């Protein structure tokens, strides 16, 4: 069985690097909009047994339940890597043979993008990675088995994950997908999103905030 695993932290603390561009309430609103898009697109995927959410954030767990998702409840959240590894262990115990980790901050993600990653799944030990648009981060990673190696999300995570794959002699496939490579962390990411032709509900949220003028004030 294959699972999608989506980690969600307390969204009141989301996207702190956008603090100069948005108010705390606006950052939370943006995070919720991206969460809803990620959940909606993940729920459309056909080639998985189930979508799971790992979190200790009760509002996110309530939304996950509404979508019929598997809930992996944490007692605390120390880091995204710890959350993903905890969730992957739990799903493996439930019978998962492979787990695809997706973050919630991919405003252009589609079910078709996710299906492209899943199509590259091969027998263990193996991993499929979608890098971030700067080429150094890991925006999506599928591991077979789910606990193939530890997670290292954060600076230079792509190289760290590739090194881990080499250590366990895993077959590794890297795929570049526009819908997954753009994640939202900094004002430059917002500026890039607003240039894209694909129009989503995330664009509507940002336009409602009047984000275009603020980006010009930031020099974008």
C-alpha atoms as a PDB file:
ATOM      1  CA  UNK A   1       0.000   0.000   0.000  1.00  0.00           C
ATOM      2  CA  UNK A   2       1.053   3.559  -0.694  1.00  0.00           C
ATOM      3  CA  UNK A   3       0.152   6.528   1.464  1.00  0.00           C
ATOM      4  CA  UNK A   4       0.483  10.278   1.087  1.00  0.00           C
ATOM      5  CA  UNK A   5       1.633  11.912   4.327  1.00  0.00           C
ATOM      6  CA  UNK A   6       1.049  15.620   4.954  1.00  0.00           C
ATOM      7  CA  UNK A   7       2.571  17.296   8.033  1.00  0.00           C
ATOM      8  CA  UNK A   8       0.748  20.297   9.527  1.00  0.00           C
ATOM      9  CA  UNK A   9       2.061  22.497  12.318  1.00  0.00           C
ATOM     10  CA  UNK A  10       0.247  25.204  14.270  1.00  0.00           C
ATOM     11  CA  UNK A  11      -0.761  27.602  11.506  1.00  0.00           C
ATOM     12  CA  UNK A  12      -0.743  30.580  13.856  1.00  0.00           C
ATOM     13  CA  UNK A  13       3.050  30.267  13.623  1.00  0.00           C
ATOM     14  CA  UNK A  14       3.143  29.711   9.872  1.00  0.00           C
ATOM     15  CA  UNK A  15       5.375  31.500   7.390  1.00  0.00           C
ATOM     16  CA  UNK A  16       7.316  33.692   9.772  1.00  0.00           C
ATOM     17  CA  UNK A  17       9.700  34.713   6.982  1.00  0.00           C
ATOM     18  CA  UNK A  18       6.783  36.594   5.402  1.00  0.00           C
ATOM     19  CA  UNK A  19       6.438  38.772   8.497  1.00  0.00           C
ATOM     20  CA  UNK A  20       7.583  41.908   6.696  1.00  0.00           C
ATOM     21  CA  UNK A  21       5.065  41.385   3.925  1.00  0.00           C
ATOM     22  CA  UNK A  22       1.997  40.149   5.813  1.00  0.00           C
ATOM     23  CA  UNK A  23       0.350  40.463   9.194  1.00  0.00           C
ATOM     24  CA  UNK A  24       0.078  37.358  11.402  1.00  0.00           C
ATOM     25  CA  UNK A  25      -3.604  36.993  10.476  1.00  0.00           C
ATOM     26  CA  UNK A  26      -2.785  37.232   6.770  1.00  0.00           C
ATOM     27  CA  UNK A  27      -0.026  34.634   7.056  1.00  0.00           C
ATOM     28  CA  UNK A  28      -2.438  32.293   8.795  1.00  0.00           C
ATOM     29  CA  UNK A  29      -5.094  32.928   6.138  1.00  0.00           C
ATOM     30  CA  UNK A  30      -2.586  32.134   3.391  1.00  0.00           C
ATOM     31  CA  UNK A  31      -1.455  28.964   5.176  1.00  0.00           C
ATOM     32  CA  UNK A  32      -5.059  27.788   5.526  1.00  0.00           C
ATOM     33  CA  UNK A  33      -5.727  28.439   1.836  1.00  0.00           C
ATOM     34  CA  UNK A  34      -2.680  26.381   0.854  1.00  0.00           C
ATOM     35  CA  UNK A  35      -3.655  23.615   3.269  1.00  0.00           C
ATOM     36  CA  UNK A  36      -7.114  23.388   1.735  1.00  0.00           C
ATOM     37  CA  UNK A  37      -5.641  23.210  -1.771  1.00  0.00           C
ATOM     38  CA  UNK A  38      -3.154  20.510  -0.777  1.00  0.00           C
ATOM     39  CA  UNK A  39      -5.845  18.451   0.937  1.00  0.00           C
ATOM     40  CA  UNK A  40      -8.203  18.842  -2.026  1.00  0.00           C
ATOM     41  CA  UNK A  41      -5.613  17.817  -4.606  1.00  0.00           C
ATOM     42  CA  UNK A  42      -4.251  14.944  -2.501  1.00  0.00           C
ATOM     43  CA  UNK A  43      -7.791  13.640  -2.027  1.00  0.00           C
ATOM     44  CA  UNK A  44      -8.184  13.457  -5.825  1.00  0.00           C
ATOM     45  CA  UNK A  45      -5.220  11.106  -6.260  1.00  0.00           C
ATOM     46  CA  UNK A  46      -6.191   7.595  -7.337  1.00  0.00           C
ATOM     47  CA  UNK A  47      -3.019   5.553  -6.934  1.00  0.00           C
ATOM     48  CA  UNK A  48      -2.725   5.568  -3.151  1.00  0.00           C
ATOM     49  CA  UNK A  49      -4.414   3.583  -0.421  1.00  0.00           C
ATOM     50  CA  UNK A  50      -5.049   6.655   1.673  1.00  0.00           C
ATOM     51  CA  UNK A  51      -3.960  10.198   2.533  1.00  0.00           C
ATOM     52  CA  UNK A  52      -2.702  10.765   6.088  1.00  0.00           C
ATOM     53  CA  UNK A  53      -2.071  13.917   8.107  1.00  0.00           C
ATOM     54  CA  UNK A  54       0.470  14.023  10.921  1.00  0.00           C
ATOM     55  CA  UNK A  55      -0.135  16.856  13.365  1.00  0.00           C
ATOM     56  CA  UNK A  56      -0.885  17.924  16.900  1.00  0.00           C
ATOM     57  CA  UNK A  57      -2.825  20.975  15.619  1.00  0.00           C
ATOM     58  CA  UNK A  58      -6.451  20.233  16.364  1.00  0.00           C
ATOM     59  CA  UNK A  59      -8.030  22.505  13.702  1.00  0.00           C
ATOM     60  CA  UNK A  60      -6.001  20.762  10.974  1.00  0.00           C
ATOM     61  CA  UNK A  61      -6.953  17.341  12.314  1.00  0.00           C
ATOM     62  CA  UNK A  62     -10.608  18.351  12.198  1.00  0.00           C
ATOM     63  CA  UNK A  63     -10.267  19.305   8.524  1.00  0.00           C
ATOM     64  CA  UNK A  64      -8.416  16.041   7.825  1.00  0.00           C
ATOM     65  CA  UNK A  65     -11.283  14.129   9.388  1.00  0.00           C
ATOM     66  CA  UNK A  66     -13.732  15.987   7.167  1.00  0.00           C
ATOM     67  CA  UNK A  67     -11.759  14.836   4.130  1.00  0.00           C
ATOM     68  CA  UNK A  68     -11.762  11.260   5.398  1.00  0.00           C
ATOM     69  CA  UNK A  69      -8.004  11.213   5.884  1.00  0.00           C
ATOM     70  CA  UNK A  70      -5.997   9.003   8.216  1.00  0.00           C
ATOM     71  CA  UNK A  71      -4.939  11.007  11.270  1.00  0.00           C
ATOM     72  CA  UNK A  72      -1.568  10.458  12.920  1.00  0.00           C
ATOM     73  CA  UNK A  73      -1.739  12.465  16.126  1.00  0.00           C
ATOM     74  CA  UNK A  74       1.473  13.764  17.689  1.00  0.00           C
ATOM     75  CA  UNK A  75       1.850  14.546  21.362  1.00  0.00           C
ATOM     76  CA  UNK A  76       4.233  17.369  20.422  1.00  0.00           C
ATOM     77  CA  UNK A  77       5.874  18.880  17.366  1.00  0.00           C
ATOM     78  CA  UNK A  78       9.632  19.345  17.518  1.00  0.00           C
ATOM     79  CA  UNK A  79      10.474  19.591  13.803  1.00  0.00           C
ATOM     80  CA  UNK A  80       9.064  18.690  10.405  1.00  0.00           C
ATOM     81  CA  UNK A  81      11.634  15.922  10.038  1.00  0.00           C
ATOM     82  CA  UNK A  82      10.618  14.399  13.364  1.00  0.00           C
ATOM     83  CA  UNK A  83       6.934  14.627  12.413  1.00  0.00           C
ATOM     84  CA  UNK A  84       7.476  12.942   9.056  1.00  0.00           C
ATOM     85  CA  UNK A  85       9.593  10.161  10.519  1.00  0.00           C
ATOM     86  CA  UNK A  86       7.057   9.574  13.292  1.00  0.00           C
ATOM     87  CA  UNK A  87       4.201   9.500  10.791  1.00  0.00           C
ATOM     88  CA  UNK A  88       6.108   7.222   8.414  1.00  0.00           C
ATOM     89  CA  UNK A  89       6.812   4.717  11.182  1.00  0.00           C
ATOM     90  CA  UNK A  90       3.164   4.721  12.158  1.00  0.00           C
ATOM     91  CA  UNK A  91       1.967   4.204   8.581  1.00  0.00           C
ATOM     92  CA  UNK A  92       4.476   1.403   8.070  1.00  0.00           C
ATOM     93  CA  UNK A  93       3.001  -0.303  11.125  1.00  0.00           C
ATOM     94  CA  UNK A  94      -0.407   0.016   9.430  1.00  0.00           C
ATOM     95  CA  UNK A  95       0.886  -1.750   6.335  1.00  0.00           C
ATOM     96  CA  UNK A  96       2.211   1.060   4.146  1.00  0.00           C
ATOM     97  CA  UNK A  97       4.909  -0.100   1.755  1.00  0.00           C
ATOM     98  CA  UNK A  98       5.720   3.423   0.566  1.00  0.00           C
ATOM     99  CA  UNK A  99       4.979   6.938   1.814  1.00  0.00           C
ATOM    100  CA  UNK A 100       5.006  10.182  -0.187  1.00  0.00           C
ATOM    101  CA  UNK A 101       5.564  13.244   1.958  1.00  0.00           C
ATOM    102  CA  UNK A 102       3.946  16.457   0.755  1.00  0.00           C
ATOM    103  CA  UNK A 103       4.076  19.846   2.505  1.00  0.00           C
ATOM    104  CA  UNK A 104       1.086  22.198   2.588  1.00  0.00           C
ATOM    105  CA  UNK A 105       2.866  25.236   1.125  1.00  0.00           C
ATOM    106  CA  UNK A 106       2.750  24.289  -2.568  1.00  0.00           C
ATOM    107  CA  UNK A 107       0.211  26.728  -4.050  1.00  0.00           C
ATOM    108  CA  UNK A 108       0.286  25.237  -7.556  1.00  0.00           C
ATOM    109  CA  UNK A 109       0.171  21.548  -6.666  1.00  0.00           C
ATOM    110  CA  UNK A 110      -2.276  19.354  -8.563  1.00  0.00           C
ATOM    111  CA  UNK A 111      -3.369  15.743  -8.284  1.00  0.00           C
ATOM    112  CA  UNK A 112      -1.733  15.175 -11.658  1.00  0.00           C
ATOM    113  CA  UNK A 113       1.635  16.317 -10.269  1.00  0.00           C
ATOM    114  CA  UNK A 114       1.278  13.866  -7.409  1.00  0.00           C
ATOM    115  CA  UNK A 115       0.380  11.066  -9.794  1.00  0.00           C
ATOM    116  CA  UNK A 116       3.571  11.764 -11.768  1.00  0.00           C
ATOM    117  CA  UNK A 117       5.650  11.207  -8.642  1.00  0.00           C
ATOM    118  CA  UNK A 118       3.781   8.029  -7.751  1.00  0.00           C
ATOM    119  CA  UNK A 119       4.268   6.685 -11.283  1.00  0.00           C
ATOM    120  CA  UNK A 120       8.015   6.517 -10.610  1.00  0.00           C
ATOM    121  CA  UNK A 121       7.614   4.300  -7.547  1.00  0.00           C
ATOM    122  CA  UNK A 122       9.642   1.098  -7.938  1.00  0.00           C
ATOM    123  CA  UNK A 123      10.432  -1.855  -5.652  1.00  0.00           C
ATOM    124  CA  UNK A 124      12.392  -1.176  -2.461  1.00  0.00           C
ATOM    125  CA  UNK A 125      14.819   0.194  -1.615  1.00  0.00           C
ATOM    126  CA  UNK A 126      13.962   3.294  -3.612  1.00  0.00           C
ATOM    127  CA  UNK A 127      13.137   6.961  -3.373  1.00  0.00           C
ATOM    128  CA  UNK A 128      11.660   9.638  -5.643  1.00  0.00           C
ATOM    129  CA  UNK A 129      12.449  13.279  -4.898  1.00  0.00           C
ATOM    130  CA  UNK A 130      11.044  16.541  -6.250  1.00  0.00           C
ATOM    131  CA  UNK A 131      13.494  19.379  -5.487  1.00  0.00           C
ATOM    132  CA  UNK A 132      12.499  22.934  -4.650  1.00  0.00           C
ATOM    133  CA  UNK A 133      12.863  25.500  -7.422  1.00  0.00           C
ATOM    134  CA  UNK A 134      16.213  26.702  -6.013  1.00  0.00           C
ATOM    135  CA  UNK A 135      17.555  23.172  -6.405  1.00  0.00           C
ATOM    136  CA  UNK A 136      18.652  22.676  -2.810  1.00  0.00           C
ATOM    137  CA  UNK A 137      15.470  21.791  -0.930  1.00  0.00           C
ATOM    138  CA  UNK A 138      13.188  18.745  -0.936  1.00  0.00           C
ATOM    139  CA  UNK A 139       9.573  19.602  -1.713  1.00  0.00           C
ATOM    140  CA  UNK A 140       8.284  16.053  -2.094  1.00  0.00           C
ATOM    141  CA  UNK A 141       9.842  12.715  -1.287  1.00  0.00           C
ATOM    142  CA  UNK A 142       8.559   9.178  -1.722  1.00  0.00           C
ATOM    143  CA  UNK A 143      10.359   6.421   0.166  1.00  0.00           C
ATOM    144  CA  UNK A 144       9.959   2.675  -0.180  1.00  0.00           C
ATOM    145  CA  UNK A 145       9.940   1.403   2.492  1.00  0.00           C
ATOM    146  CA  UNK A 146       8.627   4.428   4.443  1.00  0.00           C
ATOM    147  CA  UNK A 147      11.468   4.257   6.974  1.00  0.00           C
ATOM    148  CA  UNK A 148      14.197   3.826   4.340  1.00  0.00           C
ATOM    149  CA  UNK A 149      16.223   6.676   5.863  1.00  0.00           C
ATOM    150  CA  UNK A 150      15.805   9.647   8.197  1.00  0.00           C
ATOM    151  CA  UNK A 151      14.382  12.975   7.068  1.00  0.00           C
ATOM    152  CA  UNK A 152      16.497  16.127   6.900  1.00  0.00           C
ATOM    153  CA  UNK A 153      14.100  18.907   5.940  1.00  0.00           C
ATOM    154  CA  UNK A 154      15.628  22.372   6.114  1.00  0.00           C
ATOM    155  CA  UNK A 155      18.752  23.907   4.525  1.00  0.00           C
ATOM    156  CA  UNK A 156      20.387  21.730   1.845  1.00  0.00           C
ATOM    157  CA  UNK A 157      17.890  18.934   2.428  1.00  0.00           C
ATOM    158  CA  UNK A 158      18.170  17.626  -1.136  1.00  0.00           C
ATOM    159  CA  UNK A 159      21.852  16.766  -0.828  1.00  0.00           C
ATOM    160  CA  UNK A 160      21.293  15.302   2.636  1.00  0.00           C
ATOM    161  CA  UNK A 161      18.525  13.045   1.359  1.00  0.00           C
ATOM    162  CA  UNK A 162      20.607  11.982  -1.635  1.00  0.00           C
ATOM    163  CA  UNK A 163      23.484  11.112   0.698  1.00  0.00           C
ATOM    164  CA  UNK A 164      21.125   9.024   2.837  1.00  0.00           C
ATOM    165  CA  UNK A 165      19.868   7.216  -0.271  1.00  0.00           C
ATOM    166  CA  UNK A 166      23.431   6.378  -1.265  1.00  0.00           C
ATOM    167  CA  UNK A 167      24.181   4.987   2.184  1.00  0.00           C
ATOM    168  CA  UNK A 168      21.341   2.462   1.918  1.00  0.00           C
ATOM    169  CA  UNK A 169      22.015   1.695  -1.764  1.00  0.00           C
ATOM    170  CA  UNK A 170      18.561   2.887  -2.765  1.00  0.00           C
ATOM    171  CA  UNK A 171      17.532   3.553  -6.327  1.00  0.00           C
ATOM    172  CA  UNK A 172      16.922   7.295  -6.535  1.00  0.00           C
ATOM    173  CA  UNK A 173      14.876   9.219  -9.090  1.00  0.00           C
ATOM    174  CA  UNK A 174      14.802  13.027  -9.201  1.00  0.00           C
ATOM    175  CA  UNK A 175      11.887  14.655 -11.020  1.00  0.00           C
ATOM    176  CA  UNK A 176      11.321  18.378 -11.582  1.00  0.00           C
ATOM    177  CA  UNK A 177       7.679  19.457 -11.510  1.00  0.00           C
ATOM    178  CA  UNK A 178       6.621  23.116 -11.633  1.00  0.00           C
ATOM    179  CA  UNK A 179       3.522  22.461  -9.551  1.00  0.00           C
ATOM    180  CA  UNK A 180       5.594  21.049  -6.701  1.00  0.00           C
ATOM    181  CA  UNK A 181       8.869  22.951  -7.023  1.00  0.00           C
ATOM    182  CA  UNK A 182       7.396  26.311  -5.981  1.00  0.00           C
ATOM    183  CA  UNK A 183       6.920  26.505  -2.232  1.00  0.00           C
ATOM    184  CA  UNK A 184       6.056  29.631  -0.283  1.00  0.00           C
ATOM    185  CA  UNK A 185       8.572  30.715   2.339  1.00  0.00           C
ATOM    186  CA  UNK A 186       9.776  34.205   1.468  1.00  0.00           C
ATOM    187  CA  UNK A 187       8.495  37.337  -0.324  1.00  0.00           C
ATOM    188  CA  UNK A 188      10.408  36.295  -3.466  1.00  0.00           C
ATOM    189  CA  UNK A 189       8.290  33.132  -3.585  1.00  0.00           C
ATOM    190  CA  UNK A 190       5.108  35.197  -3.454  1.00  0.00           C
ATOM    191  CA  UNK A 191       6.442  37.378  -6.270  1.00  0.00           C
ATOM    192  CA  UNK A 192       7.192  34.280  -8.354  1.00  0.00           C
ATOM    193  CA  UNK A 193       3.721  32.884  -7.719  1.00  0.00           C
ATOM    194  CA  UNK A 194       2.053  36.097  -8.852  1.00  0.00           C
ATOM    195  CA  UNK A 195       3.954  35.894 -12.163  1.00  0.00           C
ATOM    196  CA  UNK A 196       2.629  32.427 -12.945  1.00  0.00           C
ATOM    197  CA  UNK A 197      -0.198  32.071 -15.440  1.00  0.00           C
ATOM    198  CA  UNK A 198      -1.913  29.294 -13.486  1.00  0.00           C
ATOM    199  CA  UNK A 199      -4.649  31.027 -11.490  1.00  0.00           C
ATOM    200  CA  UNK A 200      -5.693  29.401  -8.220  1.00  0.00           C
ATOM    201  CA  UNK A 201      -7.643  30.259  -5.110  1.00  0.00           C
ATOM    202  CA  UNK A 202      -4.276  31.210  -3.583  1.00  0.00           C
ATOM    203  CA  UNK A 203      -3.954  34.016  -6.123  1.00  0.00           C
ATOM    204  CA  UNK A 204      -7.425  35.213  -5.126  1.00  0.00           C
ATOM    205  CA  UNK A 205      -6.412  35.317  -1.460  1.00  0.00           C
ATOM    206  CA  UNK A 206      -3.242  37.280  -2.230  1.00  0.00           C
ATOM    207  CA  UNK A 207      -5.033  39.725  -4.508  1.00  0.00           C
ATOM    208  CA  UNK A 208      -7.634  40.310  -1.811  1.00  0.00           C
ATOM    209  CA  UNK A 209      -4.768  41.282   0.507  1.00  0.00           C
ATOM    210  CA  UNK A 210      -3.489  43.804  -2.041  1.00  0.00           C
ATOM    211  CA  UNK A 211      -0.213  41.936  -2.203  1.00  0.00           C
ATOM    212  CA  UNK A 212       0.872  43.327  -5.586  1.00  0.00           C
ATOM    213  CA  UNK A 213       1.491  46.825  -4.204  1.00  0.00           C
ATOM    214  CA  UNK A 214       3.362  45.443  -1.218  1.00  0.00           C
ATOM    215  CA  UNK A 215       5.607  43.420  -3.520  1.00  0.00           C
ATOM    216  CA  UNK A 216       6.405  46.586  -5.479  1.00  0.00           C
ATOM    217  CA  UNK A 217       7.298  48.276  -2.200  1.00  0.00           C
ATOM    218  CA  UNK A 218       9.698  45.362  -1.558  1.00  0.00           C
ATOM    219  CA  UNK A 219      11.306  45.902  -4.954  1.00  0.00           C
ATOM    220  CA  UNK A 220       9.732  42.990  -6.795  1.00  0.00           C
END
